[in-house]
Amino acid sequence: MKSTLPACLTIREVAAYLRIGETKVRKLIRLKKLAAVDIGKATGRGQLRITQKALDDFQQSLLVSALTPKPRQKKEKPPHPKDAKYLS
């Protein structure tokens, strides 16, 4: 699929594209769910860029996780008030 996005995107551009906040994009990068390249290491400014491939991979992972059924977990019942260990 051909995209009209540039090869490298800023956090602001990714946030606008995904329709989420810039803070959420930074959190996804910090949690290593979205890959980013720090191009500001030499200047010490910490400028992050996200490649088109990283964005595509992230969107694919969202699609896969949405389509994968999650196992149901049993809820633990609260202890019965007449349970022996609660009687003194």
N, C-alpha and C. Protein backbone atom coordinates (compact mmCIF):
# COMPACT_ATOMS: atom_id res chain seq x y z
N MET A 1 0.84 -1.17 0.00
CA MET A 1 0.00 0.00 0.00
C MET A 1 0.89 1.24 0.00
N LYS A 2 0.74 2.10 -0.97
CA LYS A 2 1.51 3.34 -1.07
C LYS A 2 0.93 4.36 -0.10
N SER A 3 1.83 5.03 0.63
CA SER A 3 1.41 6.03 1.58
C SER A 3 1.91 7.41 1.13
N THR A 4 1.17 8.43 1.51
CA THR A 4 1.58 9.78 1.16
C THR A 4 2.37 10.43 2.30
N LEU A 5 2.66 9.66 3.35
CA LEU A 5 3.42 10.19 4.48
C LEU A 5 4.90 10.26 4.14
N PRO A 6 5.64 11.21 4.75
CA PRO A 6 7.09 11.26 4.54
C PRO A 6 7.78 10.03 5.14
N ALA A 7 9.04 9.81 4.77
CA ALA A 7 9.78 8.64 5.24
C ALA A 7 9.98 8.66 6.75
N CYS A 8 10.23 9.82 7.33
CA CYS A 8 10.40 9.96 8.78
C CYS A 8 9.41 11.00 9.30
N LEU A 9 8.78 10.66 10.42
CA LEU A 9 7.75 11.53 10.99
C LEU A 9 8.15 12.01 12.38
N THR A 10 7.72 13.20 12.72
CA THR A 10 7.93 13.71 14.08
C THR A 10 6.85 13.12 14.98
N ILE A 11 7.04 13.29 16.27
CA ILE A 11 6.04 12.82 17.23
C ILE A 11 4.71 13.52 16.98
N ARG A 12 4.76 14.80 16.69
CA ARG A 12 3.54 15.56 16.43
C ARG A 12 2.80 15.01 15.21
N GLU A 13 3.54 14.68 14.15
CA GLU A 13 2.92 14.14 12.94
C GLU A 13 2.30 12.77 13.18
N VAL A 14 3.01 11.93 13.95
CA VAL A 14 2.47 10.60 14.27
C VAL A 14 1.21 10.74 15.11
N ALA A 15 1.24 11.64 16.09
CA ALA A 15 0.07 11.86 16.94
C ALA A 15 -1.14 12.31 16.11
N ALA A 16 -0.90 13.21 15.18
CA ALA A 16 -2.00 13.69 14.32
C ALA A 16 -2.51 12.56 13.42
N TYR A 17 -1.58 11.76 12.89
CA TYR A 17 -1.97 10.66 12.00
C TYR A 17 -2.79 9.60 12.74
N LEU A 18 -2.36 9.26 13.96
CA LEU A 18 -3.06 8.23 14.74
C LEU A 18 -4.23 8.80 15.54
N ARG A 19 -4.35 10.14 15.55
CA ARG A 19 -5.40 10.84 16.30
C ARG A 19 -5.32 10.55 17.80
N ILE A 20 -4.09 10.63 18.31
CA ILE A 20 -3.84 10.48 19.74
C ILE A 20 -2.93 11.63 20.17
N GLY A 21 -2.74 11.79 21.45
CA GLY A 21 -1.90 12.87 21.95
C GLY A 21 -0.41 12.56 21.80
N GLU A 22 0.38 13.62 21.81
CA GLU A 22 1.83 13.46 21.71
C GLU A 22 2.38 12.71 22.92
N THR A 23 1.78 12.91 24.08
CA THR A 23 2.21 12.20 25.28
C THR A 23 2.02 10.70 25.11
N LYS A 24 0.93 10.29 24.50
CA LYS A 24 0.66 8.86 24.26
C LYS A 24 1.69 8.29 23.29
N VAL A 25 2.07 9.05 22.27
CA VAL A 25 3.09 8.60 21.31
C VAL A 25 4.41 8.40 22.05
N ARG A 26 4.78 9.36 22.89
CA ARG A 26 6.02 9.23 23.67
C ARG A 26 5.98 8.00 24.59
N LYS A 27 4.82 7.74 25.17
CA LYS A 27 4.67 6.57 26.04
C LYS A 27 4.83 5.28 25.24
N LEU A 28 4.24 5.22 24.05
CA LEU A 28 4.38 4.04 23.19
C LEU A 28 5.85 3.82 22.82
N ILE A 29 6.58 4.89 22.60
CA ILE A 29 8.01 4.78 22.29
C ILE A 29 8.77 4.29 23.52
N ARG A 30 8.46 4.87 24.67
CA ARG A 30 9.14 4.47 25.91
C ARG A 30 8.88 3.00 26.24
N LEU A 31 7.66 2.52 25.98
CA LEU A 31 7.31 1.12 26.23
C LEU A 31 7.78 0.18 25.12
N LYS A 32 8.46 0.75 24.13
CA LYS A 32 9.00 0.00 22.99
C LYS A 32 7.92 -0.70 22.15
N LYS A 33 6.75 -0.09 22.12
CA LYS A 33 5.68 -0.59 21.25
C LYS A 33 5.74 0.10 19.89
N LEU A 34 6.40 1.25 19.85
CA LEU A 34 6.58 2.01 18.62
C LEU A 34 8.06 2.39 18.54
N ALA A 35 8.71 1.96 17.47
CA ALA A 35 10.14 2.21 17.32
C ALA A 35 10.39 3.65 16.86
N ALA A 36 11.44 4.24 17.42
CA ALA A 36 11.81 5.61 17.06
C ALA A 36 13.33 5.72 17.00
N VAL A 37 13.80 6.70 16.25
CA VAL A 37 15.22 6.97 16.11
C VAL A 37 15.50 8.34 16.72
N ASP A 38 16.51 8.40 17.58
CA ASP A 38 16.89 9.68 18.19
C ASP A 38 17.92 10.34 17.29
N ILE A 39 17.51 11.40 16.60
CA ILE A 39 18.43 12.07 15.67
C ILE A 39 19.12 13.26 16.33
N GLY A 40 18.79 13.53 17.59
CA GLY A 40 19.36 14.69 18.26
C GLY A 40 20.44 14.36 19.27
N LYS A 41 21.00 13.14 19.21
CA LYS A 41 22.01 12.75 20.18
C LYS A 41 23.24 13.65 20.13
N ALA A 42 23.64 14.08 18.96
CA ALA A 42 24.83 14.92 18.84
C ALA A 42 24.61 16.29 19.46
N THR A 43 23.40 16.80 19.35
CA THR A 43 23.11 18.13 19.90
C THR A 43 22.58 18.05 21.33
N GLY A 44 22.22 16.85 21.77
CA GLY A 44 21.69 16.69 23.12
C GLY A 44 20.25 17.13 23.28
N ARG A 45 19.57 17.34 22.17
CA ARG A 45 18.19 17.83 22.23
C ARG A 45 17.16 16.71 22.23
N GLY A 46 17.56 15.48 21.92
CA GLY A 46 16.64 14.35 21.94
C GLY A 46 15.49 14.46 20.96
N GLN A 47 15.79 14.66 19.71
CA GLN A 47 14.75 14.75 18.69
C GLN A 47 14.46 13.36 18.15
N LEU A 48 13.24 12.91 18.35
CA LEU A 48 12.85 11.57 17.92
C LEU A 48 12.13 11.62 16.58
N ARG A 49 12.39 10.61 15.76
CA ARG A 49 11.69 10.46 14.48
C ARG A 49 11.21 9.02 14.38
N ILE A 50 10.06 8.85 13.77
CA ILE A 50 9.46 7.53 13.57
C ILE A 50 9.44 7.27 12.08
N THR A 51 9.98 6.13 11.68
CA THR A 51 9.99 5.80 10.25
C THR A 51 8.62 5.29 9.83
N GLN A 52 8.38 5.36 8.54
CA GLN A 52 7.12 4.85 7.98
C GLN A 52 6.98 3.37 8.28
N LYS A 53 8.08 2.61 8.19
CA LYS A 53 8.05 1.18 8.47
C LYS A 53 7.68 0.92 9.92
N ALA A 54 8.24 1.69 10.85
CA ALA A 54 7.92 1.52 12.27
C ALA A 54 6.44 1.80 12.52
N LEU A 55 5.90 2.80 11.87
CA LEU A 55 4.48 3.12 12.01
C LEU A 55 3.61 2.01 11.43
N ASP A 56 4.00 1.48 10.27
CA ASP A 56 3.27 0.37 9.66
C ASP A 56 3.31 -0.86 10.56
N ASP A 57 4.50 -1.16 11.13
CA ASP A 57 4.64 -2.31 12.03
C ASP A 57 3.75 -2.15 13.27
N PHE A 58 3.70 -0.94 13.80
CA PHE A 58 2.88 -0.67 14.98
C PHE A 58 1.40 -0.89 14.65
N GLN A 59 0.96 -0.37 13.52
CA GLN A 59 -0.44 -0.55 13.13
C GLN A 59 -0.76 -2.02 12.89
N GLN A 60 0.18 -2.75 12.31
CA GLN A 60 -0.03 -4.19 12.09
C GLN A 60 -0.15 -4.92 13.42
N SER A 61 0.68 -4.55 14.40
CA SER A 61 0.61 -5.21 15.71
C SER A 61 -0.72 -4.92 16.39
N LEU A 62 -1.26 -3.72 16.19
CA LEU A 62 -2.58 -3.40 16.74
C LEU A 62 -3.66 -4.27 16.11
N LEU A 63 -3.55 -4.46 14.81
CA LEU A 63 -4.53 -5.27 14.09
C LEU A 63 -4.47 -6.73 14.55
N VAL A 64 -3.27 -7.25 14.68
CA VAL A 64 -3.09 -8.65 15.11
C VAL A 64 -3.63 -8.83 16.53
N SER A 65 -3.30 -7.90 17.43
CA SER A 65 -3.76 -8.04 18.81
C SER A 65 -5.28 -7.90 18.91
N ALA A 66 -5.87 -7.11 18.03
CA ALA A 66 -7.32 -6.95 18.05
C ALA A 66 -8.03 -8.20 17.54
N LEU A 67 -7.38 -8.93 16.63
CA LEU A 67 -8.00 -10.12 16.05
C LEU A 67 -7.67 -11.40 16.81
N THR A 68 -6.73 -11.34 17.75
CA THR A 68 -6.34 -12.52 18.52
C THR A 68 -7.27 -12.65 19.72
N PRO A 69 -7.96 -13.79 19.84
CA PRO A 69 -8.85 -13.96 20.99
C PRO A 69 -8.04 -14.06 22.28
N LYS A 70 -8.54 -13.41 23.30
CA LYS A 70 -7.87 -13.45 24.60
C LYS A 70 -8.51 -14.53 25.46
N PRO A 71 -7.69 -15.30 26.19
CA PRO A 71 -8.27 -16.33 27.05
C PRO A 71 -9.07 -15.70 28.19
N ARG A 72 -10.16 -16.32 28.51
CA ARG A 72 -11.00 -15.81 29.58
C ARG A 72 -10.39 -16.19 30.92
N GLN A 73 -10.39 -15.27 31.83
CA GLN A 73 -9.87 -15.52 33.17
C GLN A 73 -11.04 -15.69 34.13
N LYS A 74 -10.89 -16.68 35.01
CA LYS A 74 -11.93 -16.90 36.00
C LYS A 74 -11.81 -15.86 37.10
N LYS A 75 -12.93 -15.33 37.49
CA LYS A 75 -12.95 -14.37 38.59
C LYS A 75 -13.00 -15.16 39.90
N GLU A 76 -12.19 -14.71 40.85
CA GLU A 76 -12.23 -15.35 42.16
C GLU A 76 -13.43 -14.84 42.93
N LYS A 77 -14.12 -15.78 43.55
CA LYS A 77 -15.28 -15.40 44.34
C LYS A 77 -14.78 -14.91 45.69
N PRO A 78 -15.46 -13.93 46.26
CA PRO A 78 -15.07 -13.48 47.60
C PRO A 78 -15.37 -14.60 48.61
N PRO A 79 -14.63 -14.64 49.72
CA PRO A 79 -14.86 -15.72 50.69
C PRO A 79 -16.26 -15.61 51.30
N HIS A 80 -16.82 -16.76 51.58
CA HIS A 80 -18.15 -16.81 52.20
C HIS A 80 -18.01 -16.38 53.65
N PRO A 81 -18.93 -15.59 54.17
CA PRO A 81 -18.82 -15.11 55.55
C PRO A 81 -18.80 -16.24 56.58
N LYS A 82 -19.35 -17.39 56.25
CA LYS A 82 -19.39 -18.51 57.20
C LYS A 82 -18.17 -19.42 57.06
N ASP A 83 -17.18 -18.98 56.28
CA ASP A 83 -15.97 -19.77 56.09
C ASP A 83 -15.26 -19.91 57.44
N ALA A 84 -14.72 -21.08 57.72
CA ALA A 84 -14.15 -21.39 59.03
C ALA A 84 -12.97 -20.50 59.39
N LYS A 85 -12.14 -20.10 58.43
CA LYS A 85 -10.97 -19.31 58.79
C LYS A 85 -11.32 -17.87 59.17
N TYR A 86 -12.53 -17.45 58.88
CA TYR A 86 -12.95 -16.11 59.26
C TYR A 86 -13.72 -16.11 60.59
N LEU A 87 -14.03 -17.29 61.10
CA LEU A 87 -14.72 -17.37 62.38
C LEU A 87 -13.69 -17.40 63.50
N SER A 88 -13.92 -16.65 64.51
CA SER A 88 -12.95 -16.63 65.62
C SER A 88 -13.54 -17.27 66.84
